[in-house]
């Protein structure tokens, strides 16, 4: 059952530097873009920075995506066993880069808030100071956001390709530290944004602490941080099994923090609410792919032989995550917090793919990550276009009558919400069907029953928003629709089209995910 996805050795790999550099080209390109962005911010004039930085980031992510496509047949271990290139890794790297490209479009949009966009003009100006009010309508923008995004994306690519726990920890810090800063760069509601940055930093600190403690215990047991050698050591019964299981649990907790699984999700909704909405979209899609990529690699490669030991833990976390996400979303009045708890519930649905512990579970999880990523980026992008006189329409009451003011926009958002609910002919239905089918095949039918019940609960709060938009009169402070955000329209349109295509014609991506899963992880 799980034999198809457990790590496979690559014997006789020729360690040629040129081959290594080409295999690492996506990571190298993105790191290069990040460093170039830092230099541009240091030496270029402000006006030039505003034009160059988004173009550089978009071109770099696109070039890295092309490099991933060119590497689609590559399977090898690199850098003295520290990194691995294989089917699942390349699939997730491609997804991360595609989502990063869409996120750049959202961040670069400058027609949503006077002339400045969603990112603050100067993060150094504290709320309440003399220049705090004036910078809301300033034409300036904190252009450091683009190299910070590039560093985070580079960390995500490194995270999913790490073949040792130590490199994985370094990648975790590289992807997380820029996100802590990005979460505090909202142009409006500065205090809320800074609070989100602090809470995200504390969440990330807990994640890193649990991960490094787990790494230490695993090293104490196996005498190595290499995932393949850990798997070899875990296959032998020894006197230090306590170290093994304690280390495995701590590593799992560290990664559960990053995917937003309950009960480790506590401040995730606060971060989603306070961060600039384009950054929220970037985190919701990109970070989830990276965190799940690392989670799948660790449990399938290092602990694949112990699946009967860790599956009960995954069952418990998955059930708790689905229930908490679905139930608490019912109580939310803020649209971004509602989508945040929706993300928590979807993390639980994704964990059913991990609990399946078979090739179909890996394939279904890969497809689900892509489907969810496109839908959630489009949803958050659309949220940025529905506004009141004081910024984004955050309260659900402000969405009343949106269908009468902008039927097309409301229709697209309704379609995206139905996709998140898993309605047929959307990518959400196909993704859920893929992971649920794999879970049933992996003797996890009770978990699927819980998932179906929580999906029905989740459908209620999605439909509630649709009812507000189409069957309620607009309020006195009803929504104002921004009509000229070209880049945001492009990001939302691409996300909505992919949501539709992956619902009505999912076979090409399903086959691609199946091929990646069947090839397995190298070690």
Protein backbone atom coordinates (compact mmCIF):
# COMPACT_ATOMS: atom_id res chain seq x y z
CA UNK A 1 0.00 0.00 0.00
CA UNK A 2 2.49 2.61 1.13
CA UNK A 3 5.38 0.96 -0.68
CA UNK A 4 4.80 3.08 -3.77
CA UNK A 5 5.39 6.34 -1.95
CA UNK A 6 8.06 5.42 0.56
CA UNK A 7 11.52 6.71 -0.20
CA UNK A 8 13.46 5.09 -2.99
CA UNK A 9 17.27 5.14 -3.11
CA UNK A 10 19.12 6.60 -6.06
CA UNK A 11 22.16 4.41 -6.59
CA UNK A 12 25.06 5.49 -8.71
CA UNK A 13 24.17 9.17 -8.88
CA UNK A 14 27.04 11.06 -10.49
CA UNK A 15 27.89 14.04 -8.32
CA UNK A 16 28.74 16.56 -11.05
CA UNK A 17 28.57 20.25 -10.02
CA UNK A 18 26.96 21.28 -13.32
CA UNK A 19 24.14 18.78 -12.82
CA UNK A 20 23.65 19.98 -9.26
CA UNK A 21 23.45 23.62 -10.29
CA UNK A 22 20.89 22.88 -12.99
CA UNK A 23 18.78 20.80 -10.60
CA UNK A 24 18.85 23.62 -8.07
CA UNK A 25 18.13 26.31 -10.67
CA UNK A 26 14.63 27.24 -9.36
CA UNK A 27 15.99 27.92 -5.87
CA UNK A 28 19.05 29.73 -7.24
CA UNK A 29 16.91 31.95 -9.48
CA UNK A 30 14.59 33.00 -6.67
CA UNK A 31 17.47 33.67 -4.26
CA UNK A 32 19.09 35.74 -7.01
CA UNK A 33 15.89 37.76 -7.44
CA UNK A 34 15.76 38.39 -3.69
CA UNK A 35 19.36 39.61 -3.56
CA UNK A 36 18.87 41.78 -6.65
CA UNK A 37 15.77 43.27 -5.04
CA UNK A 38 17.76 44.19 -1.94
CA UNK A 39 20.37 45.97 -4.07
CA UNK A 40 17.70 47.83 -6.03
CA UNK A 41 16.07 49.01 -2.82
CA UNK A 42 19.42 50.17 -1.51
CA UNK A 43 20.60 52.14 -4.53
CA UNK A 44 17.73 52.86 -6.97
CA UNK A 45 15.56 56.00 -6.73
CA UNK A 46 12.14 55.56 -5.12
CA UNK A 47 10.19 56.05 -8.35
CA UNK A 48 12.35 53.51 -10.19
CA UNK A 49 11.97 50.99 -7.35
CA UNK A 50 8.19 51.10 -7.59
CA UNK A 51 8.35 50.06 -11.25
CA UNK A 52 11.31 47.68 -11.23
CA UNK A 53 10.62 45.59 -8.14
CA UNK A 54 7.29 44.00 -9.16
CA UNK A 55 8.60 43.31 -12.67
CA UNK A 56 11.76 41.70 -11.29
CA UNK A 57 9.81 39.52 -8.85
CA UNK A 58 7.27 38.42 -11.47
CA UNK A 59 9.97 37.68 -14.06
CA UNK A 60 12.03 35.76 -11.51
CA UNK A 61 9.13 33.59 -10.36
CA UNK A 62 8.15 32.91 -13.98
CA UNK A 63 11.73 31.94 -14.87
CA UNK A 64 11.94 29.64 -11.85
CA UNK A 65 8.63 28.02 -12.87
CA UNK A 66 10.05 27.33 -16.35
CA UNK A 67 13.12 25.80 -14.69
CA UNK A 68 10.84 23.48 -12.68
CA UNK A 69 9.07 22.39 -15.87
CA UNK A 70 12.40 21.63 -17.53
CA UNK A 71 13.40 19.48 -14.53
CA UNK A 72 10.21 17.40 -14.57
CA UNK A 73 12.06 14.11 -15.19
CA UNK A 74 14.92 14.72 -12.75
CA UNK A 75 15.26 12.46 -9.71
CA UNK A 76 18.42 12.78 -7.67
CA UNK A 77 19.93 13.62 -4.31
CA UNK A 78 22.06 16.76 -4.19
CA UNK A 79 24.50 18.60 -1.96
CA UNK A 80 25.87 15.57 -0.12
CA UNK A 81 22.38 14.25 0.52
CA UNK A 82 21.00 17.51 1.91
CA UNK A 83 18.51 18.18 -0.90
CA UNK A 84 16.37 15.95 -3.09
CA UNK A 85 14.73 16.52 -6.45
CA UNK A 86 11.85 14.18 -7.31
CA UNK A 87 8.30 14.13 -8.64
CA UNK A 88 6.42 15.36 -5.54
CA UNK A 89 9.05 18.02 -4.87
CA UNK A 90 8.91 19.48 -8.38
CA UNK A 91 5.11 19.40 -8.36
CA UNK A 92 4.98 21.42 -5.14
CA UNK A 93 7.72 23.80 -6.26
CA UNK A 94 5.72 24.56 -9.40
CA UNK A 95 2.60 25.21 -7.31
CA UNK A 96 4.47 27.55 -4.95
CA UNK A 97 5.89 29.57 -7.83
CA UNK A 98 2.51 29.82 -9.59
CA UNK A 99 0.89 31.12 -6.40
CA UNK A 100 3.76 33.54 -5.79
CA UNK A 101 3.30 34.96 -9.29
CA UNK A 102 -0.40 35.58 -8.64
CA UNK A 103 0.43 37.11 -5.25
CA UNK A 104 2.81 39.58 -6.94
CA UNK A 105 -0.10 40.77 -9.08
CA UNK A 106 -2.16 41.44 -5.95
CA UNK A 107 0.68 43.18 -4.11
CA UNK A 108 1.58 45.34 -7.13
CA UNK A 109 -1.99 46.66 -7.51
CA UNK A 110 -1.95 50.38 -6.74
CA UNK A 111 -5.51 51.42 -7.58
CA UNK A 112 -7.26 49.95 -4.57
CA UNK A 113 -6.45 52.45 -1.85
CA UNK A 114 -6.13 56.01 -3.18
CA UNK A 115 -2.90 55.65 -5.15
CA UNK A 116 -0.86 53.48 -2.83
CA UNK A 117 -2.26 49.96 -2.81
CA UNK A 118 -2.45 47.62 0.16
CA UNK A 119 1.15 48.01 1.35
CA UNK A 120 2.13 50.84 3.68
CA UNK A 121 4.20 53.72 2.33
CA UNK A 122 6.64 53.61 5.23
CA UNK A 123 6.63 50.91 7.88
CA UNK A 124 8.83 53.07 10.13
CA UNK A 125 6.01 55.57 10.74
CA UNK A 126 4.22 54.43 13.89
CA UNK A 127 0.43 54.60 14.27
CA UNK A 128 -0.69 57.88 15.82
CA UNK A 129 2.40 59.81 14.76
CA UNK A 130 2.03 63.01 12.65
CA UNK A 131 2.66 61.28 9.32
CA UNK A 132 0.48 58.21 9.98
CA UNK A 133 -2.72 59.63 8.52
CA UNK A 134 -1.09 61.27 5.52
CA UNK A 135 0.61 58.08 4.36
CA UNK A 136 -2.74 56.37 3.77
CA UNK A 137 -3.11 58.36 0.56
CA UNK A 138 0.58 58.58 -0.20
CA UNK A 139 1.79 57.44 -3.61
CA UNK A 140 4.73 55.75 -1.93
CA UNK A 141 4.95 52.05 -1.15
CA UNK A 142 7.27 49.91 0.94
CA UNK A 143 9.04 48.26 -2.00
CA UNK A 144 11.00 45.94 0.31
CA UNK A 145 7.90 43.75 0.14
CA UNK A 146 9.12 42.19 -3.12
CA UNK A 147 12.57 40.96 -2.01
CA UNK A 148 10.95 39.79 1.24
CA UNK A 149 8.46 37.76 -0.79
CA UNK A 150 11.31 36.37 -2.90
CA UNK A 151 13.26 35.28 0.19
CA UNK A 152 10.12 33.61 1.57
CA UNK A 153 9.47 31.80 -1.72
CA UNK A 154 13.09 30.63 -1.83
CA UNK A 155 12.65 29.25 1.68
CA UNK A 156 9.48 27.45 0.61
CA UNK A 157 11.27 25.84 -2.34
CA UNK A 158 14.12 24.78 -0.06
CA UNK A 159 11.64 23.51 2.54
CA UNK A 160 9.91 21.04 0.22
CA UNK A 161 13.22 19.78 -1.24
CA UNK A 162 15.08 19.32 2.05
CA UNK A 163 16.43 15.83 2.61
CA UNK A 164 17.80 16.46 6.09
CA UNK A 165 16.04 17.83 9.13
CA UNK A 166 18.73 20.45 9.65
CA UNK A 167 18.31 21.96 6.17
CA UNK A 168 14.56 21.74 6.68
CA UNK A 169 14.88 23.81 9.85
CA UNK A 170 17.01 26.42 8.08
CA UNK A 171 14.44 26.57 5.25
CA UNK A 172 11.66 26.95 7.82
CA UNK A 173 13.35 30.06 9.17
CA UNK A 174 14.07 31.48 5.71
CA UNK A 175 10.43 31.18 4.65
CA UNK A 176 9.02 32.40 7.99
CA UNK A 177 11.10 35.45 8.93
CA UNK A 178 10.07 37.53 5.89
CA UNK A 179 6.42 36.64 6.47
CA UNK A 180 6.57 38.04 10.00
CA UNK A 181 7.59 41.39 8.50
CA UNK A 182 5.14 41.24 5.60
CA UNK A 183 2.22 40.66 7.98
CA UNK A 184 2.86 44.08 9.58
CA UNK A 185 2.88 46.17 6.37
CA UNK A 186 -0.84 46.91 5.92
CA UNK A 187 -1.57 50.48 4.79
CA UNK A 188 -4.73 50.75 6.90
CA UNK A 189 -5.47 49.43 10.40
CA UNK A 190 -1.78 49.65 11.27
CA UNK A 191 -2.13 48.55 14.89
CA UNK A 192 -4.07 45.45 13.86
CA UNK A 193 -1.42 44.69 11.24
CA UNK A 194 1.43 45.05 13.72
CA UNK A 195 -0.43 42.87 16.18
CA UNK A 196 -0.78 40.24 13.46
CA UNK A 197 2.96 40.39 12.79
CA UNK A 198 3.76 39.88 16.47
CA UNK A 199 1.32 36.99 16.83
CA UNK A 200 2.65 35.35 13.67
CA UNK A 201 6.18 35.71 15.05
CA UNK A 202 5.15 34.01 18.30
CA UNK A 203 3.37 31.22 16.40
CA UNK A 204 6.44 30.73 14.23
CA UNK A 205 8.67 30.68 17.30
CA UNK A 206 6.61 27.88 18.84
CA UNK A 207 6.75 25.99 15.54
CA UNK A 208 10.52 26.34 15.31
CA UNK A 209 11.04 25.39 18.96
CA UNK A 210 9.02 22.18 18.68
CA UNK A 211 10.72 21.33 15.39
CA UNK A 212 14.27 21.80 16.72
CA UNK A 213 13.50 19.80 19.87
CA UNK A 214 12.12 17.00 17.72
CA UNK A 215 15.22 17.18 15.53
CA UNK A 216 17.42 16.78 18.61
CA UNK A 217 15.54 13.70 19.82
CA UNK A 218 15.61 12.12 16.36
CA UNK A 219 19.33 12.76 16.10
CA UNK A 220 19.78 11.18 19.52
CA UNK A 221 17.96 8.09 18.28
CA UNK A 222 19.29 7.70 14.74
CA UNK A 223 22.67 9.44 14.98
CA UNK A 224 21.80 11.35 11.79
CA UNK A 225 19.48 14.08 10.54
CA UNK A 226 19.30 12.58 7.02
CA UNK A 227 15.74 11.45 6.29
CA UNK A 228 16.85 8.19 4.63
CA UNK A 229 19.15 7.23 7.49
CA UNK A 230 16.42 8.04 10.00
CA UNK A 231 14.15 5.66 8.08
CA UNK A 232 16.82 2.92 8.24
CA UNK A 233 17.25 3.44 11.99
CA UNK A 234 13.49 3.50 12.59
CA UNK A 235 13.23 0.08 10.97
CA UNK A 236 15.23 -1.48 13.79
CA UNK A 237 13.93 -2.01 17.31
CA UNK A 238 16.28 -0.43 19.83
CA UNK A 239 16.55 0.68 23.42
CA UNK A 240 15.96 4.36 22.53
CA UNK A 241 12.53 4.02 20.96
CA UNK A 242 11.28 6.69 23.35
CA UNK A 243 13.54 9.20 21.60
CA UNK A 244 12.15 8.12 18.25
CA UNK A 245 8.48 8.53 19.14
CA UNK A 246 9.01 11.72 21.14
CA UNK A 247 11.03 13.22 18.29
CA UNK A 248 8.41 12.18 15.74
CA UNK A 249 5.65 13.80 17.83
CA UNK A 250 7.58 17.04 18.30
CA UNK A 251 8.43 17.29 14.60
CA UNK A 252 4.76 16.72 13.82
CA UNK A 253 3.67 19.48 16.20
CA UNK A 254 6.15 21.91 14.66
CA UNK A 255 4.78 21.22 11.20
CA UNK A 256 1.15 21.24 12.38
CA UNK A 257 1.71 24.81 13.57
CA UNK A 258 2.75 25.79 10.04
CA UNK A 259 -0.28 24.21 8.33
CA UNK A 260 -2.69 25.76 10.84
CA UNK A 261 -4.00 22.48 12.24
CA UNK A 262 -5.98 22.52 15.49
CA UNK A 263 -5.20 22.96 18.32
CA UNK A 264 -2.09 24.74 17.00
CA UNK A 265 -4.05 27.28 14.94
CA UNK A 266 -4.92 29.67 17.79
CA UNK A 267 -3.66 32.96 16.30
CA UNK A 268 -3.91 32.02 12.64
CA UNK A 269 -7.24 33.88 12.16
CA UNK A 270 -5.75 36.99 13.81
CA UNK A 271 -2.82 36.89 11.39
CA UNK A 272 -5.12 36.44 8.38
CA UNK A 273 -7.26 39.37 9.55
CA UNK A 274 -4.49 41.83 10.33
CA UNK A 275 -2.03 41.19 7.49
CA UNK A 276 -2.39 43.03 4.17
CA UNK A 277 -4.91 41.01 2.19
CA UNK A 278 -2.53 40.25 -0.73
CA UNK A 279 -0.02 38.92 1.82
CA UNK A 280 -2.79 36.90 3.46
CA UNK A 281 -3.51 35.32 0.06
CA UNK A 282 0.19 34.56 -0.41
CA UNK A 283 0.45 32.94 3.03
CA UNK A 284 -2.80 30.98 2.70
CA UNK A 285 -1.70 29.34 -0.56
CA UNK A 286 2.11 29.25 -0.57
CA UNK A 287 2.80 28.47 3.08
CA UNK A 288 0.23 25.67 3.11
CA UNK A 289 1.87 23.97 0.11
CA UNK A 290 5.34 24.32 1.64
CA UNK A 291 4.29 23.10 5.09
CA UNK A 292 2.35 20.14 3.73
CA UNK A 293 5.24 19.32 1.40
CA UNK A 294 7.60 19.09 4.35
CA UNK A 295 5.04 17.14 6.39
CA UNK A 296 4.53 14.59 3.61
CA UNK A 297 8.27 14.16 3.06
CA UNK A 298 9.07 13.68 6.75
CA UNK A 299 6.29 11.17 7.43
CA UNK A 300 6.51 9.24 4.17
CA UNK A 301 10.30 9.10 3.97
CA UNK A 302 11.58 8.98 7.56
CA UNK A 303 8.59 7.40 9.28
CA UNK A 304 6.93 5.48 6.46
CA UNK A 305 7.68 2.17 8.17
CA UNK A 306 5.95 3.42 11.33
CA UNK A 307 2.71 4.46 9.66
CA UNK A 308 0.64 2.27 11.95
CA UNK A 309 2.08 4.22 14.88
CA UNK A 310 1.57 7.77 13.58
CA UNK A 311 -1.74 7.29 11.75
CA UNK A 312 -3.84 7.43 14.98
CA UNK A 313 -2.22 10.78 15.85
CA UNK A 314 -2.98 12.11 12.37
CA UNK A 315 -6.58 10.87 12.69
CA UNK A 316 -7.05 12.79 15.94
CA UNK A 317 -5.47 16.00 14.61
CA UNK A 318 -7.45 15.78 11.36
CA UNK A 319 -10.80 15.31 13.12
CA UNK A 320 -10.11 18.10 15.61
CA UNK A 321 -8.96 20.43 12.83
CA UNK A 322 -12.02 19.83 10.66
CA UNK A 323 -14.45 20.25 13.54
CA UNK A 324 -12.81 23.37 14.99
CA UNK A 325 -12.43 25.02 11.58
CA UNK A 326 -16.01 24.36 10.48
CA UNK A 327 -17.74 25.16 13.79
CA UNK A 328 -15.81 28.33 14.66
CA UNK A 329 -16.23 29.68 11.13
CA UNK A 330 -19.98 29.77 11.81
CA UNK A 331 -19.47 32.41 14.50
CA UNK A 332 -17.34 34.83 12.48
CA UNK A 333 -18.51 38.25 11.31
CA UNK A 334 -15.24 39.28 9.65
CA UNK A 335 -14.85 37.94 6.11
CA UNK A 336 -11.10 37.35 6.44
CA UNK A 337 -11.51 35.54 9.76
CA UNK A 338 -14.18 33.37 8.19
CA UNK A 339 -11.81 32.46 5.36
CA UNK A 340 -9.10 31.83 7.96
CA UNK A 341 -11.21 29.25 9.78
CA UNK A 342 -12.12 27.83 6.40
CA UNK A 343 -8.37 27.36 5.83
CA UNK A 344 -8.14 25.52 9.14
CA UNK A 345 -10.94 23.16 8.06
CA UNK A 346 -9.23 22.57 4.71
CA UNK A 347 -6.02 21.67 6.55
CA UNK A 348 -8.04 18.92 8.22
CA UNK A 349 -9.34 17.69 4.86
CA UNK A 350 -5.78 17.59 3.57
CA UNK A 351 -4.70 15.55 6.57
CA UNK A 352 -7.11 12.81 5.47
CA UNK A 353 -4.81 12.36 2.48
CA UNK A 354 -1.83 11.92 4.81
CA UNK A 355 -3.83 9.52 6.98
CA UNK A 356 -4.49 7.34 3.93
CA UNK A 357 -0.75 6.54 3.83
CA UNK A 358 -0.88 5.32 0.23
CA UNK A 359 0.05 6.53 -3.23
CA UNK A 360 -3.49 7.79 -3.91
CA UNK A 361 -3.38 9.81 -0.70
CA UNK A 362 -0.19 11.55 -1.80
CA UNK A 363 -1.60 12.16 -5.29
CA UNK A 364 -4.89 13.49 -3.91
CA UNK A 365 -3.07 15.79 -1.47
CA UNK A 366 -0.95 17.25 -4.26
CA UNK A 367 -4.02 17.95 -6.38
CA UNK A 368 -5.93 19.39 -3.41
CA UNK A 369 -3.09 21.80 -2.59
CA UNK A 370 -3.12 23.23 -6.12
CA UNK A 371 -6.92 23.43 -6.31
CA UNK A 372 -7.23 25.11 -2.90
CA UNK A 373 -4.38 27.52 -3.63
CA UNK A 374 -5.92 28.95 -6.82
CA UNK A 375 -9.34 29.29 -5.19
CA UNK A 376 -8.15 30.97 -2.02
CA UNK A 377 -5.90 33.47 -3.85
CA UNK A 378 -8.83 34.45 -6.06
CA UNK A 379 -11.12 34.77 -3.02
CA UNK A 380 -8.75 37.04 -1.10
CA UNK A 381 -8.05 39.03 -4.25
CA UNK A 382 -11.75 39.67 -4.63
CA UNK A 383 -11.99 40.71 -0.97
CA UNK A 384 -9.56 43.56 -1.73
CA UNK A 385 -11.99 44.98 -4.33
CA UNK A 386 -15.05 45.21 -2.07
CA UNK A 387 -14.60 48.30 0.07
CA UNK A 388 -16.25 50.93 2.21
CA UNK A 389 -15.18 54.50 2.80
CA UNK A 390 -12.68 53.30 5.41
CA UNK A 391 -11.01 50.50 3.46
CA UNK A 392 -11.93 46.88 2.84
CA UNK A 393 -15.45 45.72 3.68
CA UNK A 394 -14.47 43.45 6.51
CA UNK A 395 -17.79 42.92 8.30
CA UNK A 396 -20.26 40.54 6.67
CA UNK A 397 -23.05 43.12 7.00
CA UNK A 398 -21.13 45.34 4.59
CA UNK A 399 -21.42 42.67 1.90
CA UNK A 400 -25.22 42.93 1.86
CA UNK A 401 -26.56 43.65 -1.61
CA UNK A 402 -23.25 43.18 -3.40
CA UNK A 403 -25.06 41.14 -6.05
CA UNK A 404 -27.16 44.20 -6.94
CA UNK A 405 -24.24 46.61 -7.11
CA UNK A 406 -21.88 44.27 -9.00
CA UNK A 407 -23.52 41.01 -10.15
CA UNK A 408 -20.38 39.75 -11.91
CA UNK A 409 -18.12 40.27 -8.92
CA UNK A 410 -20.64 38.75 -6.54
CA UNK A 411 -21.19 35.82 -8.92
CA UNK A 412 -17.46 35.07 -9.06
CA UNK A 413 -17.17 35.22 -5.28
CA UNK A 414 -20.21 32.95 -4.90
CA UNK A 415 -18.59 30.47 -7.28
CA UNK A 416 -15.35 30.54 -5.29
CA UNK A 417 -17.24 30.00 -2.03
CA UNK A 418 -19.08 27.03 -3.55
CA UNK A 419 -15.69 25.63 -4.62
CA UNK A 420 -14.41 25.95 -1.04
CA UNK A 421 -17.56 24.14 0.07
CA UNK A 422 -16.82 21.29 -2.37
CA UNK A 423 -19.81 21.64 -4.69
CA UNK A 424 -19.60 19.48 -7.88
CA UNK A 425 -18.11 20.97 -11.06
CA UNK A 426 -15.60 22.92 -8.99
CA UNK A 427 -12.00 22.11 -8.10
CA UNK A 428 -12.99 21.82 -4.44
CA UNK A 429 -15.23 18.85 -5.15
CA UNK A 430 -12.56 17.08 -7.20
CA UNK A 431 -9.90 17.68 -4.55
CA UNK A 432 -12.08 16.40 -1.72
CA UNK A 433 -13.17 13.39 -3.76
CA UNK A 434 -9.51 12.53 -4.46
CA UNK A 435 -8.38 12.61 -0.83
CA UNK A 436 -11.56 11.00 0.53
CA UNK A 437 -11.35 8.16 -1.99
CA UNK A 438 -7.72 7.56 -0.99
CA UNK A 439 -8.66 7.57 2.70
CA UNK A 440 -11.39 4.98 2.12
CA UNK A 441 -8.89 2.80 0.25
CA UNK A 442 -6.50 3.23 3.17
CA UNK A 443 -9.04 1.94 5.74
CA UNK A 444 -9.84 5.42 7.05
CA UNK A 445 -13.57 5.41 6.30
CA UNK A 446 -14.61 6.83 9.74
CA UNK A 447 -12.34 9.80 9.07
CA UNK A 448 -14.09 10.38 5.74
CA UNK A 449 -17.49 10.29 7.47
CA UNK A 450 -16.36 13.05 9.85
CA UNK A 451 -14.99 15.00 6.89
CA UNK A 452 -18.33 14.78 5.06
CA UNK A 453 -20.23 15.98 8.14
CA UNK A 454 -17.90 18.93 8.67
CA UNK A 455 -18.10 19.73 4.95
CA UNK A 456 -21.86 20.01 5.31
CA UNK A 457 -21.42 22.32 8.32
CA UNK A 458 -18.91 24.42 6.38
CA UNK A 459 -21.32 24.76 3.47
CA UNK A 460 -23.66 26.74 5.74
CA UNK A 461 -21.33 29.69 6.34
CA UNK A 462 -20.37 29.82 2.67
CA UNK A 463 -24.02 29.89 1.63
CA UNK A 464 -24.73 32.54 4.28
CA UNK A 465 -22.42 34.96 2.48
CA UNK A 466 -24.10 34.17 -0.86
CA UNK A 467 -27.50 34.90 0.68
CA UNK A 468 -26.23 38.22 2.02
CA UNK A 469 -24.92 39.23 -1.39
CA UNK A 470 -27.95 38.30 -3.49
CA UNK A 471 -30.99 38.32 -1.20
CA UNK A 472 -30.38 41.31 1.07
CA UNK A 473 -30.74 45.03 0.37
CA UNK A 474 -27.51 47.08 0.40
CA UNK A 475 -26.98 48.93 3.67
CA UNK A 476 -26.48 52.67 4.06
CA UNK A 477 -22.73 52.09 4.22
CA UNK A 478 -22.97 49.35 1.59
CA UNK A 479 -20.05 48.08 -0.42
CA UNK A 480 -18.14 50.22 -2.89
CA UNK A 481 -16.74 48.28 -5.83
CA UNK A 482 -13.31 49.25 -7.10
CA UNK A 483 -13.62 49.13 -10.88
CA UNK A 484 -10.10 49.70 -12.20
CA UNK A 485 -7.73 47.22 -10.48
CA UNK A 486 -6.33 45.57 -13.63
CA UNK A 487 -3.74 43.39 -11.89
CA UNK A 488 -6.22 42.22 -9.25
CA UNK A 489 -8.74 41.39 -11.97
CA UNK A 490 -6.06 39.29 -13.66
CA UNK A 491 -5.21 37.37 -10.47
CA UNK A 492 -8.88 36.78 -9.59
CA UNK A 493 -9.68 35.77 -13.17
CA UNK A 494 -6.85 33.25 -13.35
CA UNK A 495 -7.80 31.78 -9.98
CA UNK A 496 -11.49 31.52 -10.91
CA UNK A 497 -10.74 29.98 -14.32
CA UNK A 498 -8.43 27.39 -12.76
CA UNK A 499 -11.11 26.63 -10.15
CA UNK A 500 -13.56 25.95 -12.96
CA UNK A 501 -11.16 23.98 -15.16
CA UNK A 502 -10.01 21.76 -12.30
CA UNK A 503 -13.66 21.02 -11.59
CA UNK A 504 -14.88 20.19 -15.10
CA UNK A 505 -11.62 18.87 -16.61
CA UNK A 506 -9.33 17.80 -13.76
CA UNK A 507 -7.80 14.79 -15.47
CA UNK A 508 -4.55 16.39 -16.75
CA UNK A 509 -3.58 17.67 -13.31
CA UNK A 510 -4.77 14.48 -11.63
CA UNK A 511 -2.56 12.47 -13.96
CA UNK A 512 0.37 14.80 -13.30
CA UNK A 513 -0.13 14.47 -9.55
CA UNK A 514 -0.50 10.69 -9.92
CA UNK A 515 2.74 10.44 -11.88
CA UNK A 516 4.56 12.54 -9.28
CA UNK A 517 3.18 10.43 -6.43
CA UNK A 518 3.95 7.10 -8.12
CA UNK A 519 7.57 8.12 -8.73
CA UNK A 520 7.88 8.62 -4.98
CA UNK A 521 10.35 10.54 -2.84
CA UNK A 522 14.07 9.95 -3.27
CA UNK A 523 16.29 9.70 -0.20
